[in-house]
Amino acid sequence: MKNKIYNIPGLRQKIGIFKDRRHAGQVLAEMLHEWKDSKAVVLAIPSGGIPVAVEVAETLYLSLDVAVVSKILLPWNTETGFGAVGFDGSVWINQEYVDYYRLDQPTIEQQTKATQKKVQRRVKLFRGDRPWPDLQNRPVIVVDDGIAAGSTLRVAVQALRNTGATEIIVAVPTAHEESLARIMDGVDALYCANIRSGSQFAVAAAYQHWDDVDEINADKMLASYRDRYSRPVKTDG
């Protein structure tokens, strides 16, 4: 399974194929059926990945947690990033973007520090004082609502390796083909229902209904799932 990309050929290059994030999670769950009721853990990327991950975990009867990562944003743009910060403090800087946008060192440091504070705050919000799950010898399924440039997934994988994960599967409803290729070597398998290529790419284009998922609602989704489906961790299967 190492470095294998799984997709749905009939959905390639198409847009508007998911009704919403919940529907996207249902499609992903069908692709990931072999892990149903296993010792695998689903880790959501907040905030947009949480409703997708909740649907995957619920359908497959798996444990659910979060892997907090965030893009390091350009100071003049709330969407475009030039790197990312992980929950364990991992930092990745995209030097190509730094050069393209002519970012100086003080700007890089300022934006990185701001992102580190954001990540620390979100870790407290989404995880509280709960102990980090033991990820050794346990499949980890990382779920987000899509991959554009791929910086957040890249750092998430790095942080998970640093914390002991030995088998990492990335599962997303939609992604740019080049971005998948860039993170492929760091994971054991990639599941992406809708692969697209081309110079113009937006994760939102794969969805009929798209809106931002705020932190409060995302945290409520996680708490609701834990209340409804709290269960002991499987040690085999």
Protein backbone atom coordinates (compact mmCIF):
# COMPACT_ATOMS: atom_id res chain seq x y z
CA MET A 1 0.00 0.00 0.00
CA LYS A 2 3.00 2.30 0.43
CA ASN A 3 2.77 5.53 -1.60
CA LYS A 4 -0.42 4.43 -3.32
CA ILE A 5 -3.00 7.02 -4.43
CA TYR A 6 -6.62 5.87 -4.48
CA ASN A 7 -9.22 7.94 -6.27
CA ILE A 8 -12.58 7.70 -8.04
CA PRO A 9 -11.78 7.96 -11.78
CA GLY A 10 -15.31 9.04 -12.68
CA LEU A 11 -14.95 12.14 -10.48
CA ARG A 12 -11.64 13.31 -11.92
CA GLN A 13 -11.58 16.97 -13.01
CA LYS A 14 -15.22 17.49 -12.03
CA ILE A 15 -16.54 20.30 -9.83
CA GLY A 16 -19.63 20.65 -7.66
CA ILE A 17 -19.79 16.94 -6.92
CA PHE A 18 -20.28 17.04 -3.12
CA LYS A 19 -23.45 18.48 -1.63
CA ASP A 20 -21.52 19.59 1.44
CA ARG A 21 -18.75 18.45 3.78
CA ARG A 22 -20.98 15.79 5.31
CA HIS A 23 -21.65 14.23 1.91
CA ALA A 24 -17.93 14.40 1.13
CA GLY A 25 -17.23 12.49 4.34
CA GLN A 26 -19.70 9.79 3.33
CA VAL A 27 -17.92 9.36 -0.02
CA LEU A 28 -14.55 9.14 1.72
CA ALA A 29 -15.89 6.59 4.22
CA GLU A 30 -16.88 4.29 1.36
CA MET A 31 -13.33 4.51 0.02
CA LEU A 32 -11.92 3.69 3.47
CA HIS A 33 -14.26 0.80 4.28
CA GLU A 34 -11.41 -1.64 5.00
CA TRP A 35 -10.71 0.21 8.29
CA LYS A 36 -14.27 -0.08 9.59
CA ASP A 37 -14.44 -0.96 13.29
CA SER A 38 -10.65 -1.29 13.51
CA LYS A 39 -7.99 0.18 15.78
CA ALA A 40 -7.40 3.03 13.30
CA VAL A 41 -7.88 6.59 14.55
CA VAL A 42 -9.26 9.45 12.49
CA LEU A 43 -7.50 12.79 13.00
CA ALA A 44 -9.30 15.86 11.69
CA ILE A 45 -7.57 19.00 10.47
CA PRO A 46 -9.49 21.94 12.03
CA SER A 47 -11.67 23.61 11.24
CA GLY A 48 -12.99 22.62 7.80
CA GLY A 49 -11.83 19.05 8.08
CA ILE A 50 -13.83 18.35 11.23
CA PRO A 51 -17.31 17.84 9.70
CA VAL A 52 -15.75 15.59 7.03
CA ALA A 53 -13.84 13.60 9.66
CA VAL A 54 -16.87 13.25 11.93
CA GLU A 55 -18.77 11.61 9.08
CA VAL A 56 -15.85 9.29 8.28
CA ALA A 57 -15.36 8.27 11.92
CA GLU A 58 -19.08 7.79 12.53
CA THR A 59 -19.62 5.68 9.41
CA LEU A 60 -16.56 3.52 10.05
CA TYR A 61 -17.03 3.37 13.82
CA LEU A 62 -13.58 4.74 14.58
CA SER A 63 -12.02 6.90 17.27
CA LEU A 64 -11.82 10.61 16.42
CA ASP A 65 -9.35 13.29 17.45
CA VAL A 66 -7.74 16.38 15.94
CA ALA A 67 -4.33 17.29 14.52
CA VAL A 68 -4.10 21.06 14.77
CA VAL A 69 -2.11 22.75 12.01
CA SER A 70 -2.43 26.15 10.40
CA LYS A 71 -1.08 27.99 7.39
CA ILE A 72 1.38 30.83 7.91
CA LEU A 73 -0.53 33.55 6.09
CA LEU A 74 0.74 36.42 4.03
CA PRO A 75 0.23 39.66 6.00
CA TRP A 76 -2.03 41.10 3.28
CA ASN A 77 -4.04 37.95 2.50
CA THR A 78 -6.25 35.86 4.80
CA GLU A 79 -6.25 32.83 2.49
CA THR A 80 -2.79 32.46 0.96
CA GLY A 81 0.02 30.98 3.03
CA PHE A 82 3.77 30.56 2.62
CA GLY A 83 4.21 27.72 5.10
CA ALA A 84 2.53 26.05 8.07
CA VAL A 85 2.89 25.30 11.79
CA GLY A 86 2.03 21.97 13.42
CA PHE A 87 0.64 21.08 16.85
CA ASP A 88 4.06 19.91 18.03
CA GLY A 89 5.76 23.16 17.02
CA SER A 90 6.91 21.92 13.61
CA VAL A 91 7.39 24.75 11.12
CA TRP A 92 7.66 24.45 7.36
CA ILE A 93 8.44 27.44 5.15
CA ASN A 94 7.82 27.34 1.42
CA GLN A 95 10.96 29.04 0.14
CA GLU A 96 9.53 29.27 -3.36
CA TYR A 97 6.66 31.43 -2.06
CA VAL A 98 9.01 33.45 0.13
CA ASP A 99 11.07 34.33 -2.94
CA TYR A 100 8.03 34.96 -5.13
CA TYR A 101 6.41 37.37 -2.65
CA ARG A 102 9.80 38.86 -1.66
CA LEU A 103 9.20 38.35 2.03
CA ASP A 104 11.88 39.68 4.36
CA GLN A 105 13.00 37.86 7.52
CA PRO A 106 11.13 40.10 10.00
CA THR A 107 7.87 39.47 8.12
CA ILE A 108 8.49 35.73 8.06
CA GLU A 109 9.20 35.68 11.80
CA GLN A 110 6.22 37.89 12.64
CA GLN A 111 3.74 35.78 10.67
CA THR A 112 5.24 32.53 11.98
CA LYS A 113 4.93 33.67 15.61
CA ALA A 114 1.33 34.72 15.05
CA THR A 115 0.55 31.28 13.59
CA GLN A 116 2.30 29.49 16.46
CA LYS A 117 0.07 31.36 18.93
CA LYS A 118 -3.00 30.46 16.87
CA VAL A 119 -2.04 26.78 16.86
CA GLN A 120 -1.40 26.74 20.61
CA ARG A 121 -4.76 28.37 21.25
CA ARG A 122 -6.56 25.89 18.99
CA VAL A 123 -4.86 22.91 20.64
CA LYS A 124 -6.27 24.09 23.99
CA LEU A 125 -9.69 24.68 22.46
CA PHE A 126 -10.05 21.40 20.58
CA ARG A 127 -8.08 19.04 22.83
CA GLY A 128 -8.07 20.61 26.27
CA ASP A 129 -6.14 18.45 28.73
CA ARG A 130 -6.88 15.14 27.04
CA PRO A 131 -3.76 12.98 26.63
CA TRP A 132 -2.43 12.52 23.12
CA PRO A 133 -3.39 9.09 21.71
CA ASP A 134 -0.73 6.44 21.30
CA LEU A 135 -0.18 6.31 17.55
CA GLN A 136 2.47 3.60 17.38
CA ASN A 137 1.41 0.47 15.49
CA ARG A 138 -1.98 2.03 14.83
CA PRO A 139 -3.23 3.33 11.45
CA VAL A 140 -3.74 7.09 11.49
CA ILE A 141 -6.24 8.49 8.98
CA VAL A 142 -5.72 12.25 8.55
CA VAL A 143 -8.80 13.97 7.15
CA ASP A 144 -9.25 17.47 5.74
CA ASP A 145 -11.87 18.99 3.44
CA GLY A 146 -9.39 19.33 0.58
CA ILE A 147 -5.81 20.05 -0.46
CA ALA A 148 -4.84 23.12 -2.46
CA ALA A 149 -1.13 23.88 -1.97
CA GLY A 150 -0.74 21.13 0.63
CA SER A 151 1.30 23.01 3.24
CA THR A 152 -0.95 22.12 6.18
CA LEU A 153 -1.04 18.41 5.32
CA ARG A 154 2.72 18.41 4.83
CA VAL A 155 3.28 19.76 8.34
CA ALA A 156 0.57 17.55 9.84
CA VAL A 157 2.35 14.45 8.52
CA GLN A 158 5.70 15.71 9.82
CA ALA A 159 4.24 16.41 13.28
CA LEU A 160 2.55 13.01 13.43
CA ARG A 161 5.80 11.24 12.54
CA ASN A 162 7.49 13.24 15.30
CA THR A 163 4.90 11.99 17.80
CA GLY A 164 5.30 8.32 16.92
CA ALA A 165 2.85 7.60 14.10
CA THR A 166 4.10 4.66 12.04
CA GLU A 167 1.29 4.32 9.48
CA ILE A 168 -0.26 7.49 8.07
CA ILE A 169 -3.11 7.59 5.57
CA VAL A 170 -4.28 10.94 4.19
CA ALA A 171 -7.92 11.10 3.11
CA VAL A 172 -9.47 14.15 1.45
CA PRO A 173 -12.51 14.66 -0.78
CA THR A 174 -10.68 16.83 -3.32
CA ALA A 175 -7.11 17.89 -4.11
CA HIS A 176 -4.84 19.34 -6.73
CA GLU A 177 -2.85 16.60 -8.43
CA GLU A 178 0.51 18.34 -8.02
CA SER A 179 -0.05 18.86 -4.30
CA LEU A 180 -0.82 15.17 -3.82
CA ALA A 181 2.45 14.32 -5.52
CA ARG A 182 4.35 16.60 -3.14
CA ILE A 183 3.10 14.89 0.02
CA MET A 184 3.00 11.38 -1.37
CA ASP A 185 6.46 10.31 -0.19
CA GLY A 186 5.68 11.16 3.42
CA VAL A 187 2.60 8.95 3.79
CA ASP A 188 1.65 5.31 3.39
CA ALA A 189 -1.44 5.94 1.26
CA LEU A 190 -3.53 8.78 -0.15
CA TYR A 191 -7.28 8.63 -0.66
CA CYS A 192 -8.78 11.44 -2.73
CA ALA A 193 -12.18 11.08 -4.38
CA ASN A 194 -11.86 14.06 -6.72
CA ILE A 195 -8.43 14.77 -8.21
CA ARG A 196 -8.10 17.88 -10.34
CA SER A 197 -5.29 19.61 -12.19
CA GLY A 198 -4.81 22.92 -13.98
CA SER A 199 -3.67 26.43 -13.09
CA GLN A 200 -6.95 27.38 -11.38
CA PHE A 201 -7.86 25.33 -8.30
CA ALA A 202 -10.12 25.97 -5.33
CA VAL A 203 -11.16 23.38 -2.77
CA ALA A 204 -14.58 25.05 -2.55
CA ALA A 205 -15.26 24.35 -6.24
CA ALA A 206 -15.80 20.66 -5.43
CA TYR A 207 -18.74 21.54 -3.18
CA GLN A 208 -22.26 22.68 -4.01
CA HIS A 209 -22.61 24.24 -0.57
CA TRP A 210 -19.50 25.78 0.97
CA ASP A 211 -19.07 27.98 4.02
CA ASP A 212 -16.44 28.57 6.66
CA VAL A 213 -16.55 26.31 9.70
CA ASP A 214 -16.04 28.46 12.78
CA GLU A 215 -14.11 27.15 15.77
CA ILE A 216 -17.06 27.06 18.17
CA ASN A 217 -19.22 24.92 15.91
CA ALA A 218 -16.26 22.68 15.07
CA ASP A 219 -15.57 22.12 18.76
CA LYS A 220 -19.26 21.31 19.35
CA MET A 221 -19.12 18.69 16.58
CA LEU A 222 -16.13 17.02 18.25
CA ALA A 223 -17.71 17.10 21.70
CA SER A 224 -20.98 15.69 20.34
CA TYR A 225 -19.14 12.84 18.63
CA ARG A 226 -17.20 11.99 21.79
CA ASP A 227 -20.42 11.98 23.83
CA ARG A 228 -22.24 9.74 21.36
CA TYR A 229 -19.50 7.33 20.40
CA SER A 230 -17.07 7.11 23.28
CA ARG A 231 -15.51 3.66 23.18
CA PRO A 232 -12.37 1.80 24.24
CA VAL A 233 -9.49 1.68 21.81
CA LYS A 234 -9.13 -1.63 19.97
CA THR A 235 -5.81 -3.37 20.46
CA ASP A 236 -6.09 -5.58 17.40
CA GLY A 237 -8.06 -5.85 14.12
